[in-house]
PDB file of N, CA and C in Angstrom:
ATOM      1  N   MET A   1       0.546  -1.014  -0.218  1.00  0.00           N
ATOM      2  CA  MET A   1      -0.099   0.006  -0.188  1.00  0.00           C
ATOM      3  C   MET A   1       0.851   1.590   0.318  1.00  0.00           C
ATOM      4  N   PHE A   2       1.589   1.141   0.948  1.00  0.00           N
ATOM      5  CA  PHE A   2       2.698   2.541   1.348  1.00  0.00           C
ATOM      6  C   PHE A   2       4.096   2.256   1.415  1.00  0.00           C
ATOM      7  N   ASP A   3       4.606   2.181   0.084  1.00  0.00           N
ATOM      8  CA  ASP A   3       6.331   1.648   0.499  1.00  0.00           C
ATOM      9  C   ASP A   3       6.925   2.685   1.422  1.00  0.00           C
ATOM     10  N   ALA A   4       6.834   3.732   2.208  1.00  0.00           N
ATOM     11  CA  ALA A   4       7.117   4.104   3.382  1.00  0.00           C
ATOM     12  C   ALA A   4       6.576   3.488   4.614  1.00  0.00           C
ATOM     13  N   VAL A   5       5.700   2.608   4.651  1.00  0.00           N
ATOM     14  CA  VAL A   5       4.935   2.003   6.044  1.00  0.00           C
ATOM     15  C   VAL A   5       5.623   0.565   5.917  1.00  0.00           C
ATOM     16  N   SER A   6       6.478   0.348   6.658  1.00  0.00           N
ATOM     17  CA  SER A   6       6.975  -1.556   6.532  1.00  0.00           C
ATOM     18  C   SER A   6       6.115  -2.114   7.963  1.00  0.00           C
ATOM     19  N   THR A   7       5.617  -1.644   9.536  1.00  0.00           N
ATOM     20  CA  THR A   7       5.247  -2.633   9.872  1.00  0.00           C
ATOM     21  C   THR A   7       4.643  -1.374  10.935  1.00  0.00           C
ATOM     22  N   VAL A   8       3.139  -1.825  11.911  1.00  0.00           N
ATOM     23  CA  VAL A   8       2.591  -1.188  12.605  1.00  0.00           C
ATOM     24  C   VAL A   8       2.593  -2.150  13.917  1.00  0.00           C
ATOM     25  N   ILE A   9       2.521  -1.503  14.717  1.00  0.00           N
ATOM     26  CA  ILE A   9       2.588  -2.382  16.252  1.00  0.00           C
ATOM     27  C   ILE A   9       1.485  -1.255  16.835  1.00  0.00           C
ATOM     28  N   PRO A  10       0.196  -1.859  17.252  1.00  0.00           N
ATOM     29  CA  PRO A  10      -0.211  -1.015  17.774  1.00  0.00           C
ATOM     30  C   PRO A  10      -0.457  -1.983  18.980  1.00  0.00           C
ATOM     31  N   GLY A  11      -0.801  -0.954  20.193  1.00  0.00           N
ATOM     32  CA  GLY A  11      -1.244  -1.734  21.680  1.00  0.00           C
ATOM     33  C   GLY A  11      -0.212  -2.433  22.261  1.00  0.00           C
ATOM     34  N   ALA A  12       0.541  -2.315  21.961  1.00  0.00           N
ATOM     35  CA  ALA A  12       1.698  -3.118  22.670  1.00  0.00           C
ATOM     36  C   ALA A  12       1.892  -2.770  24.357  1.00  0.00           C
ATOM     37  N   SER A  13       1.763  -3.100  25.246  1.00  0.00           N
ATOM     38  CA  SER A  13       1.580  -2.704  26.470  1.00  0.00           C
ATOM     39  C   SER A  13       2.877  -3.796  27.500  1.00  0.00           C
ATOM     40  N   LYS A  14       3.170  -4.717  26.800  1.00  0.00           N
ATOM     41  CA  LYS A  14       3.986  -5.919  27.510  1.00  0.00           C
ATOM     42  C   LYS A  14       5.102  -5.855  26.996  1.00  0.00           C
ATOM     43  N   ALA A  15       6.474  -6.225  27.551  1.00  0.00           N
ATOM     44  CA  ALA A  15       7.171  -6.428  26.730  1.00  0.00           C
ATOM     45  C   ALA A  15       7.272  -7.843  25.764  1.00  0.00           C
ATOM     46  N   SER A  16       6.707  -8.258  26.228  1.00  0.00           N
ATOM     47  CA  SER A  16       6.329 -10.092  25.624  1.00  0.00           C
ATOM     48  C   SER A  16       5.735  -9.624  24.257  1.00  0.00           C
ATOM     49  N   GLN A  17       4.530  -8.796  24.742  1.00  0.00           N
ATOM     50  CA  GLN A  17       3.622  -8.089  22.984  1.00  0.00           C
ATOM     51  C   GLN A  17       4.595  -8.102  22.183  1.00  0.00           C
ATOM     52  N   ILE A  18       5.471  -6.703  22.894  1.00  0.00           N
ATOM     53  CA  ILE A  18       6.420  -6.089  21.519  1.00  0.00           C
ATOM     54  C   ILE A  18       7.241  -7.580  21.036  1.00  0.00           C
ATOM     55  N   SER A  19       7.816  -7.971  22.061  1.00  0.00           N
ATOM     56  CA  SER A  19       8.741  -9.157  21.003  1.00  0.00           C
ATOM     57  C   SER A  19       7.800  -9.748  20.080  1.00  0.00           C
ATOM     58  N   ARG A  20       7.062 -10.199  20.858  1.00  0.00           N
ATOM     59  CA  ARG A  20       5.811 -11.035  19.792  1.00  0.00           C
ATOM     60  C   ARG A  20       6.030 -10.527  18.027  1.00  0.00           C
ATOM     61  N   ASN A  21       5.265  -9.143  18.602  1.00  0.00           N
ATOM     62  CA  ASN A  21       5.239  -8.901  17.331  1.00  0.00           C
ATOM     63  C   ASN A  21       6.794  -8.840  16.384  1.00  0.00           C
ATOM     64  N   THR A  22       7.732  -8.142  16.844  1.00  0.00           N
ATOM     65  CA  THR A  22       8.805  -7.859  16.038  1.00  0.00           C
ATOM     66  C   THR A  22       9.194  -9.122  15.365  1.00  0.00           C
ATOM     67  N   THR A  23       8.481 -10.281  15.908  1.00  0.00           N
ATOM     68  CA  THR A  23       9.621 -11.561  15.051  1.00  0.00           C
ATOM     69  C   THR A  23       8.440 -11.396  13.956  1.00  0.00           C
ATOM     70  N   ALA A  24       7.699 -10.498  13.601  1.00  0.00           N
ATOM     71  CA  ALA A  24       7.061 -10.644  12.465  1.00  0.00           C
ATOM     72  C   ALA A  24       8.088  -9.734  11.129  1.00  0.00           C
ATOM     73  N   ALA A  25       8.930  -9.614  11.222  1.00  0.00           N
ATOM     74  CA  ALA A  25      10.088  -8.379  10.470  1.00  0.00           C
ATOM     75  C   ALA A  25      10.460  -9.766  10.177  1.00  0.00           C
ATOM     76  N   ASP A  26      10.633 -11.340  10.983  1.00  0.00           N
ATOM     77  CA  ASP A  26      11.368 -12.203  10.005  1.00  0.00           C
ATOM     78  C   ASP A  26      10.651 -13.213   9.062  1.00  0.00           C
ATOM     79  N   LEU A  27       9.058 -12.867   8.923  1.00  0.00           N
ATOM     80  CA  LEU A  27       8.491 -13.243   8.275  1.00  0.00           C
ATOM     81  C   LEU A  27       8.682 -12.707   6.874  1.00  0.00           C
ATOM     82  N   PRO A  28       8.401 -13.971   5.698  1.00  0.00           N
ATOM     83  CA  PRO A  28       8.324 -12.985   3.785  1.00  0.00           C
ATOM     84  C   PRO A  28       7.437 -12.392   4.014  1.00  0.00           C
ATOM     85  N   ALA A  29       7.651 -11.552   2.815  1.00  0.00           N
ATOM     86  CA  ALA A  29       6.683 -10.377   2.581  1.00  0.00           C
ATOM     87  C   ALA A  29       5.717 -11.192   1.860  1.00  0.00           C
ATOM     88  N   LEU A  30       4.638 -10.803   2.069  1.00  0.00           N
ATOM     89  CA  LEU A  30       3.393 -10.836   1.342  1.00  0.00           C
ATOM     90  C   LEU A  30       3.010 -10.855  -0.011  1.00  0.00           C
ATOM     91  N   THR A  31       2.724 -11.630  -0.452  1.00  0.00           N
ATOM     92  CA  THR A  31       2.236 -12.090  -1.813  1.00  0.00           C
ATOM     93  C   THR A  31       1.723 -10.768  -2.762  1.00  0.00           C
ATOM     94  N   HIS A  32       1.670 -10.557  -4.357  1.00  0.00           N
ATOM     95  CA  HIS A  32       0.763  -9.813  -4.112  1.00  0.00           C
ATOM     96  C   HIS A  32      -0.325  -9.773  -4.283  1.00  0.00           C
ATOM     97  N   GLU A  33      -0.879 -11.333  -4.375  1.00  0.00           N
ATOM     98  CA  GLU A  33      -2.065 -12.060  -4.066  1.00  0.00           C
ATOM     99  C   GLU A  33      -2.596 -11.693  -2.556  1.00  0.00           C
ATOM    100  N   GLN A  34      -1.827 -11.674  -2.251  1.00  0.00           N
ATOM    101  CA  GLN A  34      -2.181 -11.190  -0.458  1.00  0.00           C
ATOM    102  C   GLN A  34      -2.468 -10.034  -0.234  1.00  0.00           C
ATOM    103  N   MET A  35      -1.456  -9.399  -0.837  1.00  0.00           N
ATOM    104  CA  MET A  35      -1.702  -7.692  -1.015  1.00  0.00           C
ATOM    105  C   MET A  35      -3.002  -7.274  -1.582  1.00  0.00           C
ATOM    106  N   GLY A  36      -3.125  -7.522  -2.701  1.00  0.00           N
ATOM    107  CA  GLY A  36      -4.122  -7.751  -2.823  1.00  0.00           C
ATOM    108  C   GLY A  36      -5.557  -7.769  -2.427  1.00  0.00           C
ATOM    109  N   ILE A  37      -5.780  -8.823  -1.366  1.00  0.00           N
ATOM    110  CA  ILE A  37      -6.994  -9.298  -0.267  1.00  0.00           C
ATOM    111  C   ILE A  37      -6.563  -8.055   0.500  1.00  0.00           C
ATOM    112  N   VAL A  38      -5.427  -7.569   1.346  1.00  0.00           N
ATOM    113  CA  VAL A  38      -5.509  -6.529   1.930  1.00  0.00           C
ATOM    114  C   VAL A  38      -6.471  -5.327   1.800  1.00  0.00           C
ATOM    115  N   GLU A  39      -5.674  -5.146   0.428  1.00  0.00           N
ATOM    116  CA  GLU A  39      -6.397  -3.383  -0.443  1.00  0.00           C
ATOM    117  C   GLU A  39      -7.877  -4.133  -0.444  1.00  0.00           C
ATOM    118  N   ASP A  40      -8.058  -4.898  -0.524  1.00  0.00           N
ATOM    119  CA  ASP A  40      -9.545  -5.266  -0.628  1.00  0.00           C
ATOM    120  C   ASP A  40     -10.600  -5.154   0.413  1.00  0.00           C
ATOM    121  N   VAL A  41     -10.094  -5.716   1.357  1.00  0.00           N
ATOM    122  CA  VAL A  41     -10.552  -5.694   3.117  1.00  0.00           C
ATOM    123  C   VAL A  41     -10.200  -4.108   3.309  1.00  0.00           C
ATOM    124  N   TYR A  42      -8.935  -3.383   3.121  1.00  0.00           N
ATOM    125  CA  TYR A  42      -9.321  -1.647   2.967  1.00  0.00           C
ATOM    126  C   TYR A  42     -10.523  -0.885   2.577  1.00  0.00           C
ATOM    127  N   ALA A  43     -10.114  -1.528   1.320  1.00  0.00           N
ATOM    128  CA  ALA A  43     -11.866  -0.709   0.375  1.00  0.00           C
ATOM    129  C   ALA A  43     -12.734  -0.219   1.065  1.00  0.00           C
ATOM    130  N   GLN A  44     -13.269  -2.221   1.101  1.00  0.00           N
ATOM    131  CA  GLN A  44     -14.685  -2.391   1.634  1.00  0.00           C
ATOM    132  C   GLN A  44     -15.126  -2.160   3.332  1.00  0.00           C
ATOM    133  N   TYR A  45     -13.966  -2.283   4.178  1.00  0.00           N
ATOM    134  CA  TYR A  45     -14.435  -1.688   5.392  1.00  0.00           C
ATOM    135  C   TYR A  45     -14.002  -0.696   6.070  1.00  0.00           C
ATOM    136  N   ILE A  46     -12.408  -0.208   5.699  1.00  0.00           N
ATOM    137  CA  ILE A  46     -11.999   0.948   6.442  1.00  0.00           C
ATOM    138  C   ILE A  46     -11.574   2.504   5.755  1.00  0.00           C
ATOM    139  N   LYS A  47     -11.759   2.340   4.206  1.00  0.00           N
ATOM    140  CA  LYS A  47     -11.459   3.777   3.792  1.00  0.00           C
ATOM    141  C   LYS A  47     -12.787   4.458   4.085  1.00  0.00           C
ATOM    142  N   ASN A  48     -13.710   4.350   3.947  1.00  0.00           N
ATOM    143  CA  ASN A  48     -14.855   4.979   3.760  1.00  0.00           C
ATOM    144  C   ASN A  48     -14.732   5.884   5.129  1.00  0.00           C
ATOM    145  N   PRO A  49     -14.651   5.245   6.300  1.00  0.00           N
ATOM    146  CA  PRO A  49     -14.523   5.719   7.588  1.00  0.00           C
ATOM    147  C   PRO A  49     -13.316   6.465   7.714  1.00  0.00           C
ATOM    148  N   VAL A  50     -12.499   6.587   7.410  1.00  0.00           N
ATOM    149  CA  VAL A  50     -11.248   7.244   7.804  1.00  0.00           C
ATOM    150  C   VAL A  50     -10.355   7.822   6.880  1.00  0.00           C
ATOM    151  N   ASP A  51     -10.413   7.339   5.625  1.00  0.00           N
ATOM    152  CA  ASP A  51      -9.837   8.151   4.640  1.00  0.00           C
ATOM    153  C   ASP A  51      -9.172   8.904   4.668  1.00  0.00           C
ATOM    154  N   TYR A  52     -10.359   9.907   4.634  1.00  0.00           N
ATOM    155  CA  TYR A  52     -10.412  11.127   4.844  1.00  0.00           C
ATOM    156  C   TYR A  52      -9.382  11.559   5.666  1.00  0.00           C
ATOM    157  N   LEU A  53      -8.863  11.427   6.954  1.00  0.00           N
ATOM    158  CA  LEU A  53      -8.090  11.708   8.263  1.00  0.00           C
ATOM    159  C   LEU A  53      -6.487  11.602   7.729  1.00  0.00           C
ATOM    160  N   TRP A  54      -6.402  11.120   6.963  1.00  0.00           N
ATOM    161  CA  TRP A  54      -4.793  11.312   6.018  1.00  0.00           C
ATOM    162  C   TRP A  54      -5.214  11.969   4.990  1.00  0.00           C
TER     163      TRP A  54
END
C-alpha cells in the first residue's frame, strides 16, 4: 500500500507483546495476491470511514 510504511505495532503494553510483534519482521513479504486481499479489505471496510483523515 505505502512503501514508506513497513509495519505497525499497535497497542503493545507489555515487553512480551513487543517481542512477539517484532518477530513478524522475520516473516516473508506478502505476495501480490495477499496484498490484493489486504487492499480489498481496506477498500471495503476501512477506507470510507477513515481515509479522509490522511
